[in-house]
Protein backbone atom coordinates (compact mmCIF):
# COMPACT_ATOMS: atom_id res chain seq x y z
CA MET A 1 -7.62 -3.69 18.58
CA ASN A 2 -9.48 -3.72 15.24
CA THR A 3 -12.87 -2.15 14.65
CA THR A 4 -14.73 -5.47 14.52
CA TRP A 5 -13.50 -6.47 17.97
CA LEU A 6 -14.48 -3.07 19.34
CA ILE A 7 -18.01 -3.30 17.95
CA LEU A 8 -18.46 -6.84 19.26
CA GLY A 9 -17.08 -5.83 22.65
CA ILE A 10 -19.58 -2.98 22.94
CA GLY A 11 -22.38 -5.38 21.96
CA PHE A 12 -21.33 -7.88 24.64
CA ALA A 13 -21.15 -5.12 27.26
CA LEU A 14 -24.66 -3.92 26.40
CA LEU A 15 -26.05 -7.47 26.51
CA THR A 16 -24.56 -8.26 29.90
CA SER A 17 -25.66 -4.93 31.35
CA ARG A 18 -29.28 -5.62 30.32
CA ARG A 19 -29.90 -1.91 30.03
CA MET A 20 -31.29 -2.31 26.52
CA ARG A 21 -33.49 -4.88 24.80
CA PRO A 22 -31.28 -7.78 23.61
CA ASP A 23 -33.00 -8.01 20.22
CA PHE A 24 -32.27 -4.33 19.61
CA VAL A 25 -28.64 -4.75 20.69
CA VAL A 26 -27.91 -7.70 18.38
CA ILE A 27 -29.53 -6.03 15.37
CA ALA A 28 -27.80 -2.71 16.02
CA THR A 29 -24.46 -4.51 16.41
CA ALA A 30 -25.00 -6.47 13.18
CA ILE A 31 -25.76 -3.24 11.32
CA ALA A 32 -22.65 -1.59 12.80
CA LEU A 33 -20.56 -4.56 11.62
CA GLN A 34 -22.00 -4.21 8.14
CA LEU A 35 -21.37 -0.46 8.00
CA SER A 36 -17.80 -0.99 9.18
CA GLY A 37 -17.17 -3.38 6.30
CA ALA A 38 -16.75 -6.46 8.49
CA LEU A 39 -19.86 -8.05 6.98
CA SER A 40 -21.54 -7.92 3.61
CA LEU A 41 -25.24 -7.10 3.39
CA GLU A 42 -25.99 -10.76 2.61
CA GLN A 43 -24.09 -11.90 5.71
CA THR A 44 -25.88 -9.34 7.87
CA LEU A 45 -29.32 -10.57 6.76
CA ALA A 46 -28.44 -14.29 6.61
CA GLY A 47 -29.99 -14.98 10.00
CA PHE A 48 -33.51 -14.21 8.78
CA SER A 49 -33.38 -17.16 6.38
CA ASN A 50 -31.49 -19.43 8.77
CA PRO A 51 -33.05 -22.92 9.11
CA ALA A 52 -32.75 -22.86 12.92
CA VAL A 53 -34.70 -19.58 13.14
CA LEU A 54 -37.41 -20.78 10.77
CA THR A 55 -37.68 -24.12 12.61
CA MET A 56 -38.15 -22.29 15.90
CA ALA A 57 -40.88 -20.14 14.31
CA ALA A 58 -42.78 -23.24 13.14
CA PHE A 59 -42.32 -24.85 16.56
CA MET A 60 -43.72 -21.72 18.22
CA ILE A 61 -46.86 -21.92 16.09
CA LEU A 62 -47.50 -25.57 16.89
CA SER A 63 -46.63 -25.37 20.58
CA TYR A 64 -48.63 -22.21 21.20
CA SER A 65 -51.67 -23.65 19.44
CA ALA A 66 -51.42 -26.65 21.79
CA ARG A 67 -51.63 -24.48 24.90
CA GLY A 68 -55.35 -25.13 25.44
CA ILE A 69 -54.91 -28.81 26.29
CA GLU A 70 -56.84 -29.50 29.48
CA LEU A 71 -53.92 -30.80 31.51
CA SER A 72 -54.23 -28.70 34.64
CA ARG A 73 -56.94 -30.81 36.30
CA TYR A 74 -55.31 -34.10 35.29
CA TRP A 75 -51.96 -32.83 36.53
CA GLU A 76 -53.46 -31.73 39.83
CA SER A 77 -55.16 -35.11 40.28
CA PHE A 78 -51.89 -36.90 39.50
CA LEU A 79 -49.96 -34.87 42.06
CA LYS A 80 -52.62 -35.42 44.72
CA TRP A 81 -52.44 -39.16 44.04
CA ARG A 82 -48.65 -39.52 43.81
CA ALA A 83 -47.28 -36.78 46.07
CA SER A 84 -47.97 -35.43 49.54
CA SER A 85 -44.80 -33.53 50.49
CA ALA A 86 -42.81 -30.64 49.10
CA GLY A 87 -40.06 -33.02 47.99
CA SER A 88 -42.32 -35.44 46.14
CA ILE A 89 -44.32 -32.67 44.44
CA SER A 90 -41.06 -30.99 43.41
CA PHE A 91 -39.75 -34.26 41.98
CA TRP A 92 -42.83 -34.90 39.86
CA SER A 93 -43.15 -31.24 38.91
CA MET A 94 -39.68 -31.29 37.41
CA TRP A 95 -40.54 -34.40 35.42
CA GLY A 96 -43.87 -33.02 34.27
CA SER A 97 -42.54 -29.65 33.13
CA GLY A 98 -39.46 -31.27 31.60
CA LEU A 99 -41.46 -33.70 29.46
CA LEU A 100 -43.98 -31.05 28.43
CA ALA A 101 -41.25 -28.52 27.61
CA SER A 102 -39.70 -31.04 25.23
CA ILE A 103 -42.71 -30.69 22.90
CA MET A 104 -43.92 -27.20 23.83
CA GLN A 105 -42.23 -23.87 24.56
CA ASP A 106 -40.93 -24.00 28.11
CA GLU A 107 -42.84 -20.99 29.41
CA LEU A 108 -46.09 -22.37 28.00
CA ALA A 109 -45.36 -25.71 29.66
CA ILE A 110 -44.82 -23.93 32.97
CA GLY A 111 -47.99 -21.88 32.53
CA THR A 112 -49.97 -25.06 31.79
CA LEU A 113 -48.80 -26.94 34.89
CA MET A 114 -48.45 -24.06 37.35
CA PRO A 115 -52.13 -23.82 38.42
CA GLY A 116 -52.43 -27.55 39.15
CA THR A 117 -49.11 -27.57 41.00
CA ILE A 118 -50.17 -24.65 43.20
CA ARG A 119 -53.55 -26.22 44.03
CA ALA A 120 -52.02 -29.62 44.79
CA GLY A 121 -49.52 -27.96 47.11
CA ARG A 122 -52.21 -26.01 48.96
CA LYS A 123 -54.11 -29.23 49.59
CA HIS A 124 -51.13 -30.35 51.70
CA GLY A 125 -50.36 -26.91 53.13
CA ILE A 126 -47.33 -26.37 50.87
CA PRO A 127 -46.91 -22.80 49.56
CA PRO A 128 -46.00 -22.07 45.91
CA SER A 129 -42.57 -20.82 46.99
CA LYS A 130 -41.60 -24.46 47.64
CA LEU A 131 -42.78 -25.75 44.25
CA LEU A 132 -42.51 -23.27 41.40
CA MET A 133 -38.74 -22.96 41.10
CA PRO A 134 -38.44 -26.76 40.55
CA LEU A 135 -41.14 -26.41 37.88
CA ALA A 136 -38.98 -23.86 36.04
CA TYR A 137 -35.80 -25.91 36.46
CA GLY A 138 -37.49 -29.01 35.05
CA ALA A 139 -38.62 -27.13 31.94
CA LEU A 140 -35.07 -25.91 31.35
CA LEU A 141 -33.65 -29.44 31.62
CA GLY A 142 -36.32 -31.04 29.45
CA ARG A 143 -36.43 -28.59 26.56
CA THR A 144 -33.34 -30.07 24.85
CA MET A 145 -34.82 -33.58 24.84
CA TRP A 146 -36.10 -33.54 21.26
CA LEU A 147 -33.83 -30.68 20.16
CA VAL A 148 -36.58 -28.33 18.90
CA GLY A 149 -37.58 -27.05 22.34
CA SER A 150 -34.25 -25.27 22.79
CA PRO A 151 -33.33 -22.35 20.51
CA ALA A 152 -29.75 -22.76 21.72
CA ALA A 153 -29.60 -26.41 20.64
CA LEU A 154 -31.13 -25.63 17.24
CA LEU A 155 -28.59 -22.88 16.61
CA LEU A 156 -25.72 -25.15 17.67
CA VAL A 157 -26.87 -27.84 15.23
CA TRP A 158 -26.97 -25.21 12.50
CA ALA A 159 -23.42 -24.14 13.44
CA MET A 160 -22.25 -27.74 13.05
CA SER A 161 -23.78 -27.94 9.59
CA ALA A 162 -22.22 -24.59 8.65
CA GLN A 163 -18.81 -25.99 9.64
CA GLY A 164 -19.34 -29.03 7.40
CA MET A 165 -19.78 -31.40 10.34
CA ILE A 166 -22.36 -34.15 10.75
CA ALA A 167 -24.89 -32.40 12.96
CA PHE A 168 -26.65 -33.89 15.97
CA GLY A 169 -30.02 -35.41 15.14
CA VAL A 170 -33.44 -34.93 16.75
CA PHE A 171 -33.00 -37.83 19.17
CA ASP A 172 -29.29 -37.42 19.95
CA PHE A 173 -30.14 -35.25 22.95
CA ALA A 174 -32.85 -37.55 24.31
CA LEU A 175 -30.86 -40.03 26.42
CA ILE A 176 -28.59 -37.59 28.18
CA SER A 177 -31.44 -35.08 28.69
CA VAL A 178 -33.48 -37.78 30.42
CA VAL A 179 -30.52 -38.71 32.63
CA LEU A 180 -29.90 -35.08 33.58
CA LEU A 181 -33.60 -34.56 34.28
CA LEU A 182 -33.70 -37.71 36.43
CA PHE A 183 -30.71 -36.80 38.60
CA GLY A 184 -31.76 -33.16 38.77
CA SER A 185 -35.22 -34.20 39.95
CA LEU A 186 -33.77 -36.55 42.56
CA TYR A 187 -31.52 -33.82 43.91
CA VAL A 188 -34.35 -31.27 44.13
CA GLY A 189 -36.83 -33.81 45.48
CA PHE A 190 -34.58 -35.02 48.30
CA LEU A 191 -32.38 -32.04 49.14
CA GLY A 192 -32.76 -29.01 46.92
CA HIS A 193 -36.29 -28.02 47.94
CA THR A 194 -35.23 -27.71 51.59
CA VAL A 195 -33.31 -24.48 50.89
CA LEU A 196 -36.28 -22.82 49.20
CA PRO A 197 -38.16 -20.23 51.27
CA ARG A 198 -41.43 -21.20 52.90
CA LYS A 199 -43.62 -18.18 52.29
CA ARG A 200 -47.23 -18.21 53.32
CA ALA A 201 -49.64 -17.98 50.39
CA GLU A 202 -53.35 -17.66 51.09
CA ALA A 203 -55.77 -19.51 48.84
CA ASP A 204 -58.13 -16.55 48.51
CA PRO A 205 -56.73 -14.01 46.03
CA LEU A 206 -58.23 -11.13 48.06
CA ASP A 207 -55.98 -12.13 50.96
CA ARG A 208 -53.03 -13.10 48.77
CA PHE A 209 -53.01 -9.69 47.09
CA ARG A 210 -53.88 -7.90 50.35
CA ILE A 211 -56.93 -6.04 49.06
CA ARG A 212 -59.73 -7.45 51.23
CA GLN A 213 -59.55 -4.48 53.61
CA ARG A 214 -59.72 -2.10 50.65
CA LEU A 215 -63.09 -3.37 49.39
CA ARG A 216 -65.88 -1.00 50.43
CA GLU A 217 -69.46 -0.07 49.54
CA PHE A 218 -70.49 3.56 48.98
CA VAL A 219 -73.93 5.09 48.51
CA VAL A 220 -74.27 7.91 45.97
CA ARG A 221 -75.79 10.82 47.91
CA ALA A 222 -78.25 13.30 46.45
CA ASP A 223 -75.58 16.02 46.45
CA SER A 224 -73.00 13.92 44.57
CA PRO A 225 -71.45 15.60 41.49
CA MET A 226 -71.31 12.12 39.94
CA ILE A 227 -75.08 11.98 39.33
CA GLY A 228 -75.90 12.07 35.63
CA ARG A 229 -72.33 11.32 34.60
CA SER A 230 -70.99 8.06 33.24
CA LEU A 231 -68.12 6.31 34.95
CA GLY A 232 -65.86 7.30 32.09
CA GLU A 233 -66.69 10.98 32.53
CA ILE A 234 -66.15 11.19 36.28
CA LYS A 235 -63.15 13.26 37.31
CA TRP A 236 -61.92 11.93 40.63
CA GLY A 237 -60.25 14.29 43.03
CA LYS A 238 -56.50 14.74 43.31
CA GLY A 239 -54.82 11.60 44.61
CA ILE A 240 -58.05 9.56 44.48
CA ASP A 241 -57.97 6.42 42.36
CA PRO A 242 -60.84 4.06 43.31
CA ILE A 243 -61.52 0.97 41.20
CA ILE A 244 -65.27 0.46 40.65
CA LEU A 245 -65.95 -3.28 40.71
CA GLY A 246 -69.76 -3.29 40.78
CA ILE A 247 -72.93 -1.22 41.16
CA LYS A 248 -76.06 -2.20 43.06
CA ARG A 249 -79.09 -0.50 41.57
CA THR A 250 -81.66 -3.27 41.48
CA HIS A 251 -81.90 -6.71 43.04
CA GLU A 252 -79.24 -7.93 40.59
CA PRO A 253 -75.96 -6.00 40.92
CA THR A 254 -73.90 -5.10 37.85
CA PHE A 255 -70.30 -6.29 38.12
CA ALA A 256 -67.41 -4.88 36.07
CA PRO A 257 -69.61 -1.97 34.92
CA THR A 258 -68.83 -0.30 31.61
CA ALA A 259 -67.51 3.25 31.32
CA GLN A 260 -70.84 4.30 29.74
CA LEU A 261 -72.98 3.48 32.81
CA GLN A 262 -74.43 6.67 34.32
CA MET A 263 -74.67 7.30 38.03
CA VAL A 264 -78.00 7.98 39.75
CA HIS A 265 -78.90 8.91 43.30
CA GLY A 266 -79.00 5.87 45.55
CA ASP A 267 -76.55 3.74 43.59
CA VAL A 268 -74.39 1.55 45.80
CA LEU A 269 -70.85 1.32 44.46
CA ILE A 270 -68.62 -1.64 45.24
CA ALA A 271 -65.11 -0.21 45.05
CA GLN A 272 -61.52 -0.95 45.89
CA VAL A 273 -60.10 2.14 47.57
CA ASP A 274 -57.34 3.23 49.90
CA PRO A 275 -58.94 3.56 53.38
CA ASP A 276 -57.22 6.96 53.74
CA GLN A 277 -59.24 8.26 50.79
CA ILE A 278 -62.70 7.50 52.24
CA LYS A 279 -63.07 10.91 53.86
CA GLN A 280 -62.04 12.65 50.65
CA LEU A 281 -64.55 10.61 48.64
CA SER A 282 -67.30 11.69 51.01
CA GLU A 283 -66.41 15.37 50.92
CA GLU A 284 -65.56 15.80 47.24
CA MET A 285 -67.56 13.09 45.46
CA GLY A 286 -70.67 12.82 47.62
CA LEU A 287 -70.19 9.15 48.48
CA GLU A 288 -71.27 7.77 51.85
CA ALA A 289 -69.39 4.72 53.08
CA VAL A 290 -71.61 1.82 54.15
CA PRO A 291 -70.48 0.75 57.64
CA ASN A 292 -69.87 -2.81 58.86
CA VAL A 293 -69.59 -4.41 55.41
CA ASP A 294 -67.24 -7.37 54.96
CA LEU A 295 -66.93 -8.18 51.25
CA ASN A 296 -65.52 -11.38 49.81
CA GLN A 297 -64.83 -12.84 46.38
CA ASP A 298 -68.49 -13.74 45.80
CA ASP A 299 -69.41 -10.07 46.22
CA ILE A 300 -67.38 -8.99 43.19
CA THR A 301 -67.80 -12.02 40.87
CA ARG A 302 -70.87 -13.68 39.45
CA GLY A 303 -71.73 -15.55 36.25
CA ASP A 304 -69.21 -14.58 33.55
CA ILE A 305 -67.53 -12.00 35.78
CA GLU A 306 -64.41 -13.59 37.25
CA LEU A 307 -61.25 -12.88 39.17
CA VAL A 308 -58.25 -14.19 37.30
CA GLU A 309 -54.52 -14.01 37.84
CA VAL A 310 -52.39 -13.58 34.73
CA VAL A 311 -48.62 -13.45 34.28
CA VAL A 312 -47.16 -10.86 31.93
CA ARG A 313 -44.80 -12.61 29.53
CA LEU A 314 -41.46 -11.03 28.65
CA GLU A 315 -42.49 -10.28 25.07
CA SER A 316 -45.85 -8.84 26.10
CA SER A 317 -46.82 -5.48 24.61
CA LEU A 318 -47.61 -4.42 28.18
CA GLN A 319 -44.02 -4.68 29.35
CA GLY A 320 -42.56 -1.28 30.09
CA GLN A 321 -45.97 0.40 29.71
CA SER A 322 -48.29 1.62 32.43
CA LEU A 323 -51.95 0.62 32.58
CA LYS A 324 -52.89 4.26 32.12
CA TYR A 325 -50.65 4.63 29.04
CA VAL A 326 -52.18 1.62 27.24
CA ASP A 327 -55.66 2.65 28.49
CA PHE A 328 -56.10 -0.87 29.82
CA ARG A 329 -59.53 -0.35 31.40
CA ARG A 330 -61.10 1.14 28.29
CA ARG A 331 -59.19 -1.02 25.81
CA TYR A 332 -60.04 -4.39 27.35
CA GLY A 333 -62.97 -3.58 29.65
CA LEU A 334 -61.09 -5.13 32.57
CA SER A 335 -59.95 -3.83 35.96
CA VAL A 336 -56.52 -4.56 37.45
CA LEU A 337 -56.91 -4.78 41.23
CA ALA A 338 -53.31 -5.49 42.22
CA ILE A 339 -49.86 -6.32 40.85
CA ALA A 340 -47.54 -8.91 42.41
CA ARG A 341 -43.87 -8.34 41.64
CA GLY A 342 -41.38 -10.61 43.36
CA THR A 343 -42.14 -10.35 47.07
CA GLN A 344 -44.02 -7.07 46.64
CA VAL A 345 -47.75 -6.54 46.20
CA LEU A 346 -48.57 -3.20 44.58
CA VAL A 347 -52.06 -1.78 45.15
CA ASP A 348 -51.65 2.01 45.08
CA HIS A 349 -51.70 4.15 41.92
CA LEU A 350 -51.65 1.06 39.70
CA GLY A 351 -52.30 3.05 36.56
CA ASP A 352 -48.92 4.78 36.80
CA ILE A 353 -46.74 1.71 37.39
CA PRO A 354 -44.72 0.48 34.34
CA LEU A 355 -45.34 -3.26 34.01
CA GLN A 356 -42.53 -5.81 33.91
CA GLY A 357 -42.22 -9.32 32.53
CA GLY A 358 -43.23 -11.81 35.24
CA ASP A 359 -45.66 -9.43 36.96
CA VAL A 360 -48.82 -11.16 38.16
CA LEU A 361 -51.96 -9.10 37.61
CA LEU A 362 -55.15 -9.73 39.56
CA ILE A 363 -57.92 -8.86 37.11
CA GLN A 364 -61.69 -8.59 37.47
CA GLY A 365 -63.90 -8.66 34.39
CA ASP A 366 -65.98 -10.60 31.92
CA ARG A 367 -64.44 -13.95 31.00
CA ARG A 368 -64.95 -13.24 27.28
CA ARG A 369 -63.00 -10.02 27.54
CA VAL A 370 -60.24 -11.83 29.41
CA ASP A 371 -60.13 -14.39 26.59
CA LEU A 372 -59.62 -11.59 24.08
CA MET A 373 -56.98 -9.86 26.18
CA LEU A 374 -54.73 -12.89 26.83
CA PRO A 375 -53.40 -13.52 23.29
CA GLU A 376 -53.20 -9.84 22.39
CA ALA A 377 -51.31 -8.88 25.54
CA LYS A 378 -49.39 -12.19 25.57
CA ALA A 379 -50.27 -13.04 29.14
CA ILE A 380 -50.64 -16.48 30.76
CA PRO A 381 -53.62 -17.23 33.01
CA LEU A 382 -52.93 -18.97 36.30
CA GLY A 383 -56.49 -19.72 37.34
CA GLU A 384 -58.86 -22.55 36.66
CA ARG A 385 -60.25 -21.35 33.38
CA ALA A 386 -60.42 -22.01 29.68
CA VAL A 387 -57.51 -20.73 27.62
CA ALA A 388 -58.36 -18.09 25.08
CA GLY A 389 -58.35 -18.45 21.34
CA THR A 390 -58.32 -22.21 21.02
CA THR A 391 -60.34 -25.30 21.74
CA LYS A 392 -59.38 -28.60 23.31
CA GLU A 393 -59.90 -30.34 19.97
CA ARG A 394 -57.70 -27.84 18.15
CA SER A 395 -55.05 -28.10 20.88
CA TRP A 396 -54.80 -31.88 20.67
CA TRP A 397 -54.48 -31.62 16.89
CA ALA A 398 -51.62 -29.17 17.32
CA LEU A 399 -49.84 -31.39 19.84
CA GLY A 400 -50.26 -34.28 17.44
CA GLY A 401 -48.68 -32.09 14.78
CA VAL A 402 -45.58 -31.64 16.97
CA VAL A 403 -45.27 -35.42 17.46
CA VAL A 404 -45.72 -36.12 13.73
CA ALA A 405 -43.13 -33.46 12.84
CA LEU A 406 -40.64 -35.01 15.27
CA GLY A 407 -41.27 -38.43 13.75
CA LEU A 408 -40.74 -37.19 10.19
CA ALA A 409 -37.53 -35.41 11.16
CA ALA A 410 -36.19 -38.40 13.09
CA SER A 411 -36.96 -40.81 10.27
CA GLY A 412 -34.90 -38.78 7.83
CA LEU A 413 -37.79 -38.41 5.40
CA LEU A 414 -37.71 -34.64 5.88
CA THR A 415 -35.36 -32.15 7.45
CA THR A 416 -36.39 -30.75 10.83
CA LEU A 417 -37.26 -27.43 9.20
CA ALA A 418 -39.35 -29.00 6.45
CA ALA A 419 -41.19 -31.28 8.91
CA PHE A 420 -42.24 -28.46 11.24
CA LEU A 421 -43.12 -26.03 8.46
CA LEU A 422 -45.21 -28.73 6.82
CA MET A 423 -47.16 -29.46 10.00
CA ALA A 424 -47.66 -25.75 10.76
CA LEU A 425 -49.03 -25.30 7.23
CA ALA A 426 -51.21 -28.39 7.61
CA MET A 427 -52.75 -27.02 10.79
CA SER A 428 -53.61 -23.80 8.97
CA VAL A 429 -55.04 -25.56 5.90
CA LEU A 430 -57.19 -27.77 8.12
CA SER A 431 -58.41 -24.60 9.89
CA ARG A 432 -57.09 -25.96 13.15
CA PHE A 433 -55.02 -22.83 13.58
CA PRO A 434 -55.83 -19.86 11.30
CA THR A 435 -52.96 -18.01 9.65
CA ARG A 436 -53.80 -14.74 11.42
CA ASP A 437 -53.40 -16.51 14.78
CA ALA A 438 -50.09 -18.00 13.68
CA TYR A 439 -48.57 -14.57 13.02
CA ARG A 440 -49.91 -13.25 16.33
CA THR A 441 -48.44 -16.07 18.40
CA LEU A 442 -44.89 -15.83 17.04
CA ASP A 443 -42.41 -14.58 19.61
CA TRP A 444 -40.97 -11.91 17.33
CA PRO A 445 -38.41 -10.48 19.81
CA LEU A 446 -36.87 -13.95 20.24
CA LEU A 447 -36.86 -14.64 16.49
CA VAL A 448 -35.22 -11.27 15.80
CA LEU A 449 -32.68 -12.03 18.53
CA LEU A 450 -31.83 -15.38 16.93
CA ALA A 451 -31.56 -13.90 13.44
CA GLY A 452 -29.56 -10.89 14.58
CA VAL A 453 -26.88 -12.75 16.51
CA ILE A 454 -25.92 -15.12 13.69
CA PRO A 455 -23.85 -12.43 11.87
CA TRP A 456 -21.85 -12.01 15.08
CA ALA A 457 -20.41 -15.50 14.69
CA THR A 458 -19.41 -14.74 11.10
CA ALA A 459 -17.68 -11.54 12.19
CA MET A 460 -15.88 -13.32 15.04
CA GLN A 461 -14.43 -15.92 12.72
CA SER A 462 -13.53 -13.59 9.85
CA SER A 463 -11.83 -11.13 12.22
CA GLY A 464 -9.75 -13.82 13.91
CA LEU A 465 -11.39 -13.27 17.31
CA THR A 466 -12.39 -16.93 17.53
CA ASN A 467 -8.78 -18.09 17.16
CA VAL A 468 -7.62 -15.57 19.76
CA LEU A 469 -10.17 -16.91 22.26
CA VAL A 470 -9.17 -20.52 21.55
CA ASP A 471 -5.45 -19.78 21.96
CA GLY A 472 -6.10 -17.79 25.12
CA LEU A 473 -8.07 -20.61 26.68
CA LEU A 474 -5.51 -23.27 25.77
CA SER A 475 -2.60 -21.16 27.01
CA ILE A 476 -3.83 -21.49 30.59
CA TRP A 477 -2.46 -25.04 30.73
CA SER A 478 0.95 -26.24 29.57
CA GLN A 479 -0.51 -29.65 28.70
CA PRO A 480 -4.28 -29.24 28.16
CA ASN A 481 -6.39 -32.21 29.13
CA PRO A 482 -9.65 -32.67 27.17
CA TYR A 483 -11.61 -33.53 30.32
CA VAL A 484 -10.38 -30.39 32.09
CA LEU A 485 -11.20 -28.29 29.03
CA LEU A 486 -14.63 -29.90 28.79
CA MET A 487 -15.45 -28.89 32.37
CA THR A 488 -13.96 -25.43 31.79
CA LEU A 489 -16.18 -24.98 28.73
CA TYR A 490 -19.20 -26.08 30.75
CA LEU A 491 -18.48 -23.51 33.46
CA VAL A 492 -17.85 -20.75 30.91
CA VAL A 493 -21.19 -21.44 29.21
CA VAL A 494 -23.06 -21.55 32.53
CA GLY A 495 -21.48 -18.25 33.52
CA LEU A 496 -22.40 -16.61 30.21
CA VAL A 497 -26.01 -17.79 30.11
CA THR A 498 -26.45 -16.46 33.63
CA VAL A 499 -25.86 -12.92 32.41
CA MET A 500 -27.05 -13.04 28.78
CA ASN A 501 -29.48 -14.92 26.54
CA ALA A 502 -28.65 -18.59 25.92
CA PRO A 503 -29.18 -18.46 22.12
CA ILE A 504 -26.45 -15.81 21.86
CA VAL A 505 -24.02 -18.09 23.68
CA ALA A 506 -25.06 -21.04 21.50
CA VAL A 507 -24.18 -19.11 18.33
CA LEU A 508 -20.87 -17.62 19.46
CA LEU A 509 -19.26 -20.51 21.38
CA PRO A 510 -19.52 -23.48 18.95
CA PRO A 511 -16.67 -22.14 16.76
CA VAL A 512 -14.59 -21.78 19.93
CA ALA A 513 -15.47 -25.33 21.00
CA ILE A 514 -14.57 -26.67 17.56
CA GLY A 515 -11.32 -24.71 17.61
CA ILE A 516 -10.36 -26.22 20.97
CA ALA A 517 -11.00 -29.74 19.68
CA VAL A 518 -9.01 -29.12 16.47
CA LYS A 519 -6.03 -27.77 18.41
CA LEU A 520 -6.15 -30.81 20.72
CA GLY A 521 -6.65 -33.20 17.81
CA VAL A 522 -9.80 -34.74 19.32
CA ASN A 523 -13.44 -35.20 18.35
CA PRO A 524 -15.32 -31.86 18.69
CA GLN A 525 -18.71 -33.52 19.32
CA PRO A 526 -18.38 -33.83 23.14
CA PHE A 527 -17.46 -30.13 23.37
CA LEU A 528 -20.43 -29.14 21.26
CA MET A 529 -22.87 -31.36 23.16
CA VAL A 530 -21.72 -29.90 26.49
CA THR A 531 -22.16 -26.40 25.07
CA ALA A 532 -25.76 -27.16 24.09
CA LEU A 533 -26.62 -28.78 27.43
CA ALA A 534 -24.89 -26.12 29.52
CA ALA A 535 -26.87 -23.43 27.68
CA SER A 536 -29.96 -24.73 29.50
CA ALA A 537 -28.29 -24.65 32.93
CA VAL A 538 -29.72 -21.23 33.77
CA PHE A 539 -30.11 -21.87 37.49
CA LEU A 540 -28.19 -19.11 39.25
CA TRP A 541 -30.05 -15.86 38.62
CA PRO A 542 -33.68 -14.99 37.81
CA VAL A 543 -32.83 -12.61 34.97
CA GLY A 544 -31.07 -15.43 33.15
CA HIS A 545 -34.20 -16.89 31.61
CA ARG A 546 -37.85 -16.07 31.10
CA SER A 547 -38.93 -19.29 32.85
CA HIS A 548 -37.56 -17.93 36.13
CA ILE A 549 -39.18 -14.56 35.63
CA LEU A 550 -42.48 -16.32 34.98
CA VAL A 551 -42.51 -17.98 38.42
CA GLN A 552 -40.68 -15.30 40.41
CA SER A 553 -43.66 -13.17 41.41
CA THR A 554 -46.05 -16.10 41.86
CA GLY A 555 -43.55 -17.87 44.11
CA GLY A 556 -42.50 -14.66 45.87
CA TYR A 557 -38.81 -15.31 45.18
CA ILE A 558 -35.97 -12.86 45.56
CA ALA A 559 -32.80 -13.04 43.48
CA SER A 560 -30.75 -14.76 46.21
CA ASP A 561 -33.21 -17.68 46.38
CA TYR A 562 -32.03 -19.01 43.01
CA PRO A 563 -28.33 -19.71 43.64
CA LYS A 564 -29.09 -21.40 46.97
CA MET A 565 -30.57 -24.36 45.11
CA GLY A 566 -29.10 -23.74 41.67
CA ILE A 567 -25.40 -23.81 42.53
CA TRP A 568 -25.47 -27.45 43.60
CA LEU A 569 -27.55 -28.36 40.58
CA VAL A 570 -24.93 -26.74 38.36
CA VAL A 571 -22.19 -28.79 40.05
CA LEU A 572 -24.18 -32.04 39.80
CA LEU A 573 -25.01 -31.58 36.14
CA GLY A 574 -21.43 -30.57 35.36
CA LEU A 575 -20.12 -33.83 36.82
CA LEU A 576 -22.75 -35.81 34.92
CA ASN A 577 -21.79 -34.08 31.68
CA LEU A 578 -18.15 -34.89 32.32
CA LEU A 579 -18.94 -38.58 32.92
CA ILE A 580 -21.61 -39.25 30.31
CA VAL A 581 -20.88 -37.06 27.27
CA PRO A 582 -17.38 -38.45 26.52
CA THR A 583 -18.81 -41.96 26.92
CA LEU A 584 -21.49 -41.39 24.28
CA TRP A 585 -19.26 -39.21 22.05
CA PRO A 586 -15.65 -40.30 22.74
CA PHE A 587 -12.77 -37.88 22.28
């Protein structure tokens, strides 16, 4: 086995194990290939100037700047008018997220529609666990519709151009994507949703996050060591970690008090605390619990002080860090009351818990501080609130920019890259989206991942690994049939994207697909189209795609919930690919 194969094999093993960040793995592997002599320096860095990577960056800028569109209320009203059951809401949710994900990043599309979907379901007594997985599946099916929503499709189109082939155009994916979305929605709407768990979800966040019984009032006694000290200076006893949500000192209580506020005798503290710590607070901190007090949401929110649920995105700077490590309370002036992770609700020692992508944080604080935190921490709000950093007017302009860019690319007047870069620049020049915001909203880990994996394909081809894989696949059958190989390729891609990032698969498999077609003497286009479409069929495992992770904690899903509905969707879409793709692109 040559050195190049060994390096690539180690890279694949690290990616599938998910023990290390994928962007780090692909860059480290590319550097190892360069040091081994398998790649030149220019080949190693070629991905950072790749048109597909740059197009995705421009699309990120436009789609993220369009995130403030006020669709949640309209979407909720539509669902209440058109749907009244779990099946009908699931059907329309898949269509809604699919269409929106075709012109906006899929996780932003999900974040936009999720609040309205949840509220519409609660109106009919349907918990989020019945509705949010279809929302994620719809976004995955719809993102290939206009090509630019899918990094995998963009990279595959680049691979076709690199091979000297006539690449798929912007609208070549539209018809089959709509058909797949239609049949997928029908399956989920009539049958698929029935296998999803029905998990109770209370409307009140205090009940949903199980903290109502932890809300207490305490009077600061005359002998309290807290008197004369600010909240930031107070040293709580060992094992005590109360969250101070408000202070009653006058007729108007102060909610989300700052760390500089000093304690005085007679202050009434509104706190979230473990009931087992009440005695310790009385003995060590001089706090007297107020008996027979039943607090609700109105007792900890007022005016600009709100309770908001936010989802931690996968590329958030918070991921892997604890609240205490990032000094969340002091940095943002906000209090995290609870963390929902999958089916768990975490309420004890929150400051020491490393955060994960998909975690739902229940936060109390000033709306303006929340607005500042969201873009910096790359979190998505789930509540009924304005989205930070943009205006409705600016958002509609940005969405219009996406549509115009698609039109220019489809007309042939400009390449896809030029059209999206032009519109991103136009938004900045018109001050609709300042340059500093554009840099902040780029999903750098994904862009680095895309750029870093492109040298892998070069190394695979130059080392002969691509030909070995093609010959190995064809040797399974004595007389290979293109339809059988097409389905085999579909299943291989689905299996790979279940355990690793879809863009990686979309870069490495097109040369294999082309090699299969050349050996068979048939048109490679159907094999390439199936590769692109199958790269979005991430339905079997939650770690397969960030869209699943985004809804996992909110829906309360466990890993085994995904294949129960996803396996039949994979089979259905595979049969549709086998029937439709060769009809549109004959062998």
